[in-house]
Amino acid sequence: MVSGPWSVVSAGGRHHRDRRGEPDPTPARRPCAAAITVEFQLVSPTTLRRRIGQLLIAGFNGHQLPVELKALVREFGLGGVILFARNIAEFEQVAELCAETSRLMPDLPLWVSVDQEGGRVARLKAPFTEWPPMATLGRSGDVALAERFARALASELKAVGITMDYAPVLDVHTNRDNPVIGDRSLSDRADEVARLGSAIIRVLQHEGIAACGKHFPGHGDTSTDSHHELPLVEHAIERLRGLELVPFRAAIDAEVATIMTAHVLMPALDDARPATLSHRIVTGLLREEMGYGGVILSDDLEMKAIASEYTVPDAAVMAIEAGCDGVLICSGNHDVQSAALESLIHAVEGDRLQRSRVDDAVTRQRRAKERFLAAGAAQPLRGPALRAWLGRGEHQAIADEMAQFL
């Protein structure tokens, strides 16, 4: 079980003390929800800041962890980081970067996450295996091939210390004019996306990588790119339940660790707010109606679909209010990231954001980390062993087999 220097009251009411003399939330077993609720009302301002920090997954610039990011970790803690191509020089540097990140908070490690789908969304290039787009798996219809792909992908991510992959895409590609999904989708058939997507999830997670199904409640039938503007999906609820939501139900059945929300407006579900900021969609539909118990993450809050209407700090509060358990702020602007965390703290202190909502989010994050980041997990490879593992022949053979369906 992962433990950390947080303030907690155990189910039996005993306080633990950390090395600073503050209450330490590390009871012998995971605290029950009731204990967590009691605990939050007793924490110090410092502990509140470090709880709020768990709600952020941050991007950064450069091939090393910048001092500004390390300062955020010291002040707030942090839920995790996300790697982009701008953070990657070569494979040994990636492994060292991941190792350094994991050492920032050894008692409650940060997620080290990446978008490594294959095709045009792949941050890790050769000597990592370069995978064809996921549409090839859909055209093959071969679950066994999808499973072999997921196993090979997971092994290369683990080899350098990456712990979460924002994959698979569960959007059903029903709009040929869609500029942002396209061949990232497994299929234009909901049942195929569900079948292949759930297979990928099960294998990734069996191999120790937290999967993230995206983009809920469905980005497949959009004609605009949410990186630049807010897409509109005008289908009736019956159509959404019968098509867009089908792969997400399968992902939930596969116990997917995390689900990422979409920055799309669906008037049949909420005519006022995009999905990421909608309590009706995040809590009412995904959490309550569909029964999802894992971690819900926002897509990047700096995308124009959100940022053209809301400030990033306001959007962060709205996303957590809606039911997200974490938010991504990816640009590497640490002033914006810090402002978002401060905004969340002020929202709690001003009673706009319920403390129980933050409790719930932090507890879900903690449980996911206990599942995937437990002490004693395998260490990244180094040197010749790492070079020999990446892009190995059996992995390339899988990529070549997928490429036959381009």
Protein backbone atom coordinates (compact mmCIF):
# COMPACT_ATOMS: atom_id res chain seq x y z
CA MET A 1 0.00 0.00 0.00
CA VAL A 2 1.23 3.46 -0.86
CA SER A 3 1.52 5.77 2.09
CA GLY A 4 2.45 9.41 2.44
CA PRO A 5 3.06 12.34 4.78
CA TRP A 6 -0.56 13.50 4.81
CA SER A 7 -2.87 14.18 7.70
CA VAL A 8 -5.44 11.50 8.42
CA VAL A 9 -7.54 10.08 11.20
CA SER A 10 -7.77 6.32 10.99
CA ALA A 11 -11.08 4.52 11.31
CA GLY A 12 -10.31 4.01 14.97
CA GLY A 13 -9.76 7.72 15.53
CA ARG A 14 -6.00 7.60 16.21
CA HIS A 15 -3.78 10.37 14.83
CA HIS A 16 -0.47 9.45 13.24
CA ARG A 17 2.33 12.00 13.24
CA ASP A 18 4.79 12.60 10.46
CA ARG A 19 8.37 13.74 10.84
CA ARG A 20 7.28 17.38 10.87
CA GLY A 21 4.98 16.76 13.80
CA GLU A 22 1.83 17.16 11.68
CA PRO A 23 -0.86 14.49 11.58
CA ASP A 24 0.16 11.77 9.11
CA PRO A 25 -2.58 10.04 7.09
CA THR A 26 -0.86 6.68 6.90
CA PRO A 27 -2.99 4.23 8.86
CA ALA A 28 -2.15 0.56 8.66
CA ARG A 29 -4.88 0.02 6.08
CA ARG A 30 -6.69 2.23 3.60
CA PRO A 31 -9.00 4.57 5.53
CA CYS A 32 -12.70 4.18 4.99
CA ALA A 33 -14.67 6.98 3.35
CA ALA A 34 -16.13 8.08 6.69
CA ALA A 35 -12.68 8.37 8.24
CA ILE A 36 -11.43 10.46 5.31
CA THR A 37 -14.39 12.82 5.70
CA VAL A 38 -13.69 13.33 9.40
CA GLU A 39 -10.00 13.80 8.69
CA PHE A 40 -10.37 16.62 6.19
CA GLN A 41 -11.94 18.87 8.78
CA LEU A 42 -8.86 18.51 11.00
CA VAL A 43 -6.06 19.12 8.52
CA SER A 44 -3.66 22.04 8.59
CA PRO A 45 -3.51 24.58 5.74
CA THR A 46 -0.28 22.95 4.59
CA THR A 47 -1.94 19.56 4.36
CA LEU A 48 -4.87 21.05 2.45
CA ARG A 49 -2.42 22.45 -0.10
CA ARG A 50 -0.79 19.07 -0.54
CA ARG A 51 -4.16 17.40 -0.97
CA ILE A 52 -5.17 19.88 -3.63
CA GLY A 53 -1.87 19.24 -5.40
CA GLN A 54 -2.95 15.65 -6.00
CA LEU A 55 -5.63 16.99 -8.36
CA LEU A 56 -3.13 18.30 -10.94
CA ILE A 57 -1.26 16.48 -13.68
CA ALA A 58 1.20 19.01 -15.06
CA GLY A 59 3.11 19.45 -18.28
CA PHE A 60 6.54 21.07 -18.37
CA ASN A 61 9.17 22.19 -20.84
CA GLY A 62 12.61 20.76 -21.45
CA HIS A 63 14.40 17.45 -21.06
CA GLN A 64 14.83 17.81 -17.30
CA LEU A 65 12.44 18.65 -14.50
CA PRO A 66 12.45 22.45 -14.23
CA VAL A 67 13.02 24.12 -10.89
CA GLU A 68 9.54 25.66 -11.10
CA LEU A 69 7.93 22.22 -11.26
CA LYS A 70 10.00 21.01 -8.34
CA ALA A 71 8.84 24.09 -6.41
CA LEU A 72 5.21 23.16 -7.15
CA VAL A 73 5.87 19.69 -5.77
CA ARG A 74 7.47 21.10 -2.60
CA GLU A 75 4.59 23.49 -1.99
CA PHE A 76 1.58 21.47 -3.12
CA GLY A 77 2.65 17.94 -3.83
CA LEU A 78 1.45 16.92 -7.28
CA GLY A 79 -0.72 14.22 -8.79
CA GLY A 80 1.54 13.59 -11.75
CA VAL A 81 3.28 14.83 -14.86
CA ILE A 82 2.58 14.33 -18.55
CA LEU A 83 5.38 13.92 -21.08
CA PHE A 84 5.33 15.38 -24.58
CA ALA A 85 7.77 15.23 -27.49
CA ARG A 86 9.37 18.41 -26.13
CA ASN A 87 10.46 16.44 -23.04
CA ILE A 88 12.11 13.59 -24.93
CA ALA A 89 15.66 13.66 -26.29
CA GLU A 90 16.63 9.97 -26.25
CA PHE A 91 15.65 6.79 -24.44
CA GLU A 92 18.14 6.86 -21.54
CA GLN A 93 17.21 10.48 -20.80
CA VAL A 94 13.51 9.46 -20.65
CA ALA A 95 14.31 6.70 -18.18
CA GLU A 96 16.29 9.08 -15.95
CA LEU A 97 13.57 11.72 -16.19
CA CYS A 98 10.94 9.20 -15.08
CA ALA A 99 13.16 7.98 -12.25
CA GLU A 100 13.76 11.53 -11.03
CA THR A 101 10.03 12.24 -11.15
CA SER A 102 9.25 9.16 -9.07
CA ARG A 103 11.77 10.31 -6.44
CA LEU A 104 10.08 13.69 -5.96
CA MET A 105 7.42 12.16 -3.70
CA PRO A 106 8.62 8.65 -2.82
CA ASP A 107 5.80 8.01 -0.34
CA LEU A 108 3.09 8.80 -2.88
CA PRO A 109 4.68 8.72 -6.34
CA LEU A 110 3.54 10.99 -9.12
CA TRP A 111 1.92 9.54 -12.20
CA VAL A 112 4.37 9.65 -15.08
CA SER A 113 1.98 9.75 -18.02
CA VAL A 114 2.12 10.02 -21.78
CA ASP A 115 -0.04 10.01 -24.90
CA GLN A 116 1.29 6.92 -26.67
CA GLU A 117 -1.55 5.72 -28.86
CA GLY A 118 0.27 4.91 -32.08
CA GLY A 119 0.02 6.65 -35.43
CA ARG A 120 0.04 10.44 -35.26
CA VAL A 121 -0.29 10.56 -31.46
CA ALA A 122 2.96 9.04 -30.27
CA ARG A 123 5.45 10.94 -28.13
CA LEU A 124 8.04 8.16 -28.01
CA LYS A 125 9.84 7.63 -31.32
CA ALA A 126 12.56 5.20 -32.39
CA PRO A 127 14.28 3.32 -30.82
CA PHE A 128 10.86 2.79 -29.22
CA THR A 129 8.58 0.76 -31.47
CA GLU A 130 6.64 3.10 -33.74
CA TRP A 131 3.09 1.77 -33.87
CA PRO A 132 0.63 2.22 -36.71
CA PRO A 133 -2.64 4.04 -35.94
CA MET A 134 -5.28 2.17 -33.96
CA ALA A 135 -7.62 2.02 -36.95
CA THR A 136 -5.41 -0.82 -38.21
CA LEU A 137 -6.53 -2.96 -35.29
CA GLY A 138 -10.15 -2.22 -36.08
CA ARG A 139 -9.67 -3.19 -39.72
CA SER A 140 -8.00 -6.42 -38.65
CA GLY A 141 -10.80 -7.28 -36.22
CA ASP A 142 -8.22 -9.39 -34.39
CA VAL A 143 -8.48 -9.26 -30.59
CA ALA A 144 -5.36 -11.38 -30.21
CA LEU A 145 -3.39 -8.86 -32.27
CA ALA A 146 -4.74 -6.02 -30.13
CA GLU A 147 -3.66 -7.89 -27.01
CA ARG A 148 -0.15 -8.52 -28.38
CA PHE A 149 0.12 -4.84 -29.28
CA ALA A 150 -0.95 -3.78 -25.77
CA ARG A 151 1.49 -6.18 -24.12
CA ALA A 152 4.40 -4.93 -26.19
CA LEU A 153 3.44 -1.29 -25.67
CA ALA A 154 3.18 -1.79 -21.91
CA SER A 155 6.57 -3.48 -21.75
CA GLU A 156 8.31 -0.53 -23.44
CA LEU A 157 6.52 2.04 -21.28
CA LYS A 158 7.47 0.13 -18.12
CA ALA A 159 11.05 -0.20 -19.31
CA VAL A 160 11.55 3.57 -19.00
CA GLY A 161 9.33 4.08 -15.93
CA ILE A 162 6.12 5.45 -17.47
CA THR A 163 3.11 4.43 -15.40
CA MET A 164 0.01 5.82 -17.18
CA ASP A 165 -0.90 5.88 -20.86
CA TYR A 166 -3.74 8.04 -22.18
CA ALA A 167 -5.06 5.19 -24.29
CA PRO A 168 -7.10 3.66 -25.75
CA VAL A 169 -9.25 6.09 -27.71
CA LEU A 170 -12.83 4.91 -27.22
CA ASP A 171 -14.43 7.39 -29.59
CA VAL A 172 -16.46 5.82 -32.39
CA HIS A 173 -15.35 7.38 -35.67
CA THR A 174 -18.72 8.07 -37.30
CA ASN A 175 -17.87 11.43 -38.88
CA ARG A 176 -15.42 11.28 -41.79
CA ASP A 177 -14.86 15.04 -41.49
CA ASN A 178 -13.64 14.70 -37.90
CA PRO A 179 -10.29 16.55 -37.80
CA VAL A 180 -9.08 15.35 -34.42
CA ILE A 181 -10.06 11.65 -34.07
CA GLY A 182 -9.87 9.99 -37.48
CA ASP A 183 -7.60 6.94 -37.53
CA ARG A 184 -6.95 7.31 -33.80
CA SER A 185 -10.28 5.52 -33.36
CA LEU A 186 -10.38 1.75 -33.45
CA SER A 187 -13.47 1.64 -35.64
CA ASP A 188 -16.62 3.30 -36.89
CA ARG A 189 -18.60 0.54 -35.15
CA ALA A 190 -19.34 0.89 -31.45
CA ASP A 191 -19.22 -2.84 -30.79
CA GLU A 192 -15.76 -3.14 -32.34
CA VAL A 193 -14.40 -0.17 -30.40
CA ALA A 194 -15.82 -1.75 -27.24
CA ARG A 195 -14.41 -5.22 -27.98
CA LEU A 196 -10.91 -4.12 -28.98
CA GLY A 197 -10.68 -1.22 -26.54
CA SER A 198 -11.55 -3.37 -23.55
CA ALA A 199 -8.99 -5.97 -24.64
CA ILE A 200 -6.27 -3.29 -24.79
CA ILE A 201 -7.28 -1.98 -21.36
CA ARG A 202 -7.16 -5.40 -19.74
CA VAL A 203 -3.70 -6.20 -21.09
CA LEU A 204 -2.16 -2.79 -20.40
CA GLN A 205 -3.36 -2.95 -16.81
CA HIS A 206 -2.41 -6.60 -16.32
CA GLU A 207 1.09 -5.53 -17.33
CA GLY A 208 1.10 -2.69 -14.79
CA ILE A 209 0.24 0.37 -16.90
CA ALA A 210 -2.79 2.43 -15.87
CA ALA A 211 -4.96 2.85 -18.97
CA CYS A 212 -7.09 5.91 -19.71
CA GLY A 213 -10.18 5.56 -21.90
CA LYS A 214 -10.99 8.75 -23.79
CA HIS A 215 -12.84 11.02 -24.60
CA PHE A 216 -16.05 10.68 -22.57
CA PRO A 217 -18.89 10.86 -23.54
CA GLY A 218 -17.63 10.60 -27.12
CA HIS A 219 -15.66 12.76 -29.56
CA GLY A 220 -16.14 10.62 -32.66
CA ASP A 221 -18.94 12.54 -34.38
CA THR A 222 -17.49 16.05 -34.31
CA SER A 223 -16.46 18.24 -37.22
CA THR A 224 -14.28 20.66 -35.24
CA ASP A 225 -11.14 20.17 -33.17
CA SER A 226 -11.48 20.89 -29.43
CA HIS A 227 -7.87 22.08 -29.40
CA HIS A 228 -9.16 25.14 -31.30
CA GLU A 229 -12.91 25.49 -30.59
CA LEU A 230 -15.79 23.83 -28.77
CA PRO A 231 -17.31 20.99 -30.82
CA LEU A 232 -21.08 20.44 -30.80
CA VAL A 233 -22.68 16.97 -30.77
CA GLU A 234 -26.43 17.24 -31.27
CA HIS A 235 -27.56 13.63 -31.01
CA ALA A 236 -30.49 12.56 -28.85
CA ILE A 237 -29.80 10.69 -25.65
CA GLU A 238 -31.06 7.43 -27.16
CA ARG A 239 -28.44 7.63 -29.91
CA LEU A 240 -25.69 8.46 -27.39
CA ARG A 241 -26.59 5.50 -25.19
CA GLY A 242 -26.79 3.19 -28.17
CA LEU A 243 -23.51 4.23 -29.80
CA GLU A 244 -21.13 6.75 -28.20
CA LEU A 245 -21.44 5.34 -24.67
CA VAL A 246 -21.11 1.66 -25.64
CA PRO A 247 -17.28 1.51 -25.57
CA PHE A 248 -17.17 3.32 -22.24
CA ARG A 249 -19.49 0.75 -20.70
CA ALA A 250 -17.14 -1.97 -21.90
CA ALA A 251 -14.15 -0.06 -20.46
CA ILE A 252 -15.90 0.21 -17.11
CA ASP A 253 -16.55 -3.54 -17.18
CA ALA A 254 -12.82 -3.98 -17.86
CA GLU A 255 -12.07 -1.90 -14.72
CA VAL A 256 -10.27 0.83 -16.61
CA ALA A 257 -8.17 2.84 -14.16
CA THR A 258 -9.01 6.28 -15.54
CA ILE A 259 -11.40 7.90 -17.99
CA MET A 260 -10.70 11.25 -19.67
CA THR A 261 -13.50 13.72 -20.38
CA ALA A 262 -14.10 15.43 -23.71
CA HIS A 263 -14.34 19.16 -24.27
CA VAL A 264 -17.55 18.84 -26.29
CA LEU A 265 -21.01 20.33 -25.89
CA MET A 266 -23.84 17.77 -25.96
CA PRO A 267 -27.17 19.60 -25.53
CA ALA A 268 -29.07 16.35 -24.99
CA LEU A 269 -27.02 15.90 -21.80
CA ASP A 270 -26.23 19.50 -20.82
CA ASP A 271 -27.02 22.49 -23.01
CA ALA A 272 -24.96 24.94 -20.96
CA ARG A 273 -21.56 23.40 -20.18
CA PRO A 274 -19.04 21.26 -22.07
CA ALA A 275 -18.75 17.72 -20.78
CA THR A 276 -15.57 18.33 -18.77
CA LEU A 277 -17.30 21.02 -16.71
CA SER A 278 -20.74 19.40 -16.52
CA HIS A 279 -21.95 17.85 -13.27
CA ARG A 280 -24.79 16.23 -15.20
CA ILE A 281 -22.35 14.42 -17.48
CA VAL A 282 -19.38 13.67 -15.21
CA THR A 283 -21.25 12.85 -12.01
CA GLY A 284 -24.81 12.22 -13.15
CA LEU A 285 -24.05 10.09 -16.20
CA LEU A 286 -20.56 8.61 -15.80
CA ARG A 287 -20.36 8.22 -12.05
CA GLU A 288 -23.97 7.55 -11.05
CA GLU A 289 -25.84 6.15 -14.06
CA MET A 290 -22.94 4.16 -15.54
CA GLY A 291 -21.46 3.26 -12.16
CA TYR A 292 -17.85 4.16 -12.85
CA GLY A 293 -15.76 4.00 -9.68
CA GLY A 294 -12.31 4.88 -11.01
CA VAL A 295 -10.44 8.13 -11.58
CA ILE A 296 -11.96 10.73 -13.90
CA LEU A 297 -9.49 13.14 -15.51
CA SER A 298 -10.11 16.22 -17.60
CA ASP A 299 -8.54 16.71 -20.96
CA ASP A 300 -6.06 19.60 -21.07
CA LEU A 301 -7.79 22.69 -19.69
CA GLU A 302 -5.67 24.96 -21.86
CA MET A 303 -7.33 23.72 -25.06
CA LYS A 304 -9.34 26.47 -26.75
CA ALA A 305 -12.63 24.61 -26.36
CA ILE A 306 -12.35 25.52 -22.65
CA ALA A 307 -9.82 28.35 -22.48
CA SER A 308 -11.65 30.58 -24.96
CA GLU A 309 -14.59 30.80 -22.53
CA TYR A 310 -13.09 30.22 -19.06
CA THR A 311 -9.81 31.02 -17.35
CA VAL A 312 -7.79 27.93 -16.55
CA PRO A 313 -8.07 28.44 -12.75
CA ASP A 314 -11.87 28.82 -13.01
CA ALA A 315 -12.10 25.79 -15.27
CA ALA A 316 -10.07 23.73 -12.79
CA VAL A 317 -12.56 24.50 -10.03
CA MET A 318 -15.52 23.79 -12.31
CA ALA A 319 -14.05 20.47 -13.45
CA ILE A 320 -13.52 19.25 -9.89
CA GLU A 321 -16.98 20.51 -8.95
CA ALA A 322 -18.40 18.57 -11.89
CA GLY A 323 -16.86 15.35 -10.58
CA CYS A 324 -13.40 15.12 -12.15
CA ASP A 325 -10.74 13.70 -9.83
CA GLY A 326 -7.88 15.44 -11.57
CA VAL A 327 -7.17 18.04 -14.22
CA LEU A 328 -4.50 18.24 -16.89
CA ILE A 329 -2.73 21.56 -17.47
CA CYS A 330 -0.20 20.72 -20.11
CA SER A 331 1.56 23.77 -21.56
CA GLY A 332 4.33 24.00 -18.97
CA ASN A 333 3.22 27.42 -17.75
CA HIS A 334 3.86 26.88 -14.06
CA ASP A 335 2.34 30.23 -13.10
CA VAL A 336 -0.97 29.07 -14.58
CA GLN A 337 -0.65 25.69 -12.85
CA SER A 338 0.06 27.37 -9.51
CA ALA A 339 -2.87 29.77 -10.01
CA ALA A 340 -5.19 26.82 -10.68
CA LEU A 341 -4.11 25.11 -7.46
CA GLU A 342 -4.55 28.33 -5.48
CA SER A 343 -8.00 28.75 -7.03
CA LEU A 344 -8.97 25.26 -5.87
CA ILE A 345 -7.73 26.03 -2.35
CA HIS A 346 -9.71 29.29 -2.24
CA ALA A 347 -12.79 27.45 -3.52
CA VAL A 348 -12.54 25.00 -0.60
CA GLU A 349 -11.83 27.70 1.97
CA GLY A 350 -14.74 29.78 0.62
CA ASP A 351 -17.11 26.79 0.70
CA ARG A 352 -17.70 26.92 -3.03
CA LEU A 353 -16.03 23.53 -3.50
CA GLN A 354 -17.21 20.96 -1.00
CA ARG A 355 -14.49 19.36 1.07
CA SER A 356 -16.17 15.99 0.60
CA ARG A 357 -15.75 16.38 -3.17
CA VAL A 358 -11.99 16.89 -2.75
CA ASP A 359 -11.86 13.98 -0.28
CA ASP A 360 -13.50 11.74 -2.84
CA ALA A 361 -11.15 12.83 -5.63
CA VAL A 362 -8.01 12.38 -3.52
CA THR A 363 -9.18 8.98 -2.28
CA ARG A 364 -9.76 7.75 -5.82
CA GLN A 365 -6.33 8.99 -6.89
CA ARG A 366 -4.74 7.29 -3.90
CA ARG A 367 -6.47 3.98 -4.58
CA ALA A 368 -5.36 4.03 -8.22
CA LYS A 369 -1.79 4.71 -7.13
CA GLU A 370 -1.95 1.86 -4.64
CA ARG A 371 -3.01 -0.36 -7.53
CA PHE A 372 -0.32 0.69 -10.03
CA LEU A 373 2.43 2.47 -8.10
CA ALA A 374 2.82 0.17 -5.11
CA ALA A 375 6.19 0.01 -3.39
CA GLY A 376 8.41 -2.64 -4.85
CA ALA A 377 7.30 -2.15 -8.45
CA ALA A 378 9.87 -3.09 -11.08
CA GLN A 379 12.55 -0.48 -11.70
CA PRO A 380 13.18 0.92 -15.19
CA LEU A 381 15.89 -0.74 -17.26
CA ARG A 382 19.21 0.96 -17.83
CA GLY A 383 21.94 1.12 -20.45
CA PRO A 384 22.38 -1.82 -22.85
CA ALA A 385 19.46 -3.74 -21.32
CA LEU A 386 17.13 -0.84 -22.05
CA ARG A 387 18.45 -0.37 -25.59
CA ALA A 388 17.99 -4.08 -26.29
CA TRP A 389 14.41 -4.02 -25.03
CA LEU A 390 13.07 -1.04 -27.01
CA GLY A 391 11.96 -1.75 -30.56
CA ARG A 392 12.91 -5.40 -30.21
CA GLY A 393 12.20 -7.72 -33.12
CA GLU A 394 9.03 -9.30 -31.74
CA HIS A 395 7.54 -5.85 -31.12
CA GLN A 396 8.41 -4.69 -34.62
CA ALA A 397 6.81 -7.84 -36.01
CA ILE A 398 3.54 -6.86 -34.29
CA ALA A 399 3.76 -3.34 -35.72
CA ASP A 400 4.41 -4.79 -39.19
CA GLU A 401 1.39 -7.07 -38.88
CA MET A 402 -0.77 -4.09 -37.89
CA ALA A 403 0.61 -2.05 -40.79
CA GLN A 404 -0.81 -4.55 -43.27
CA PHE A 405 -4.21 -2.98 -42.48
CA LEU A 406 -3.22 0.62 -43.25
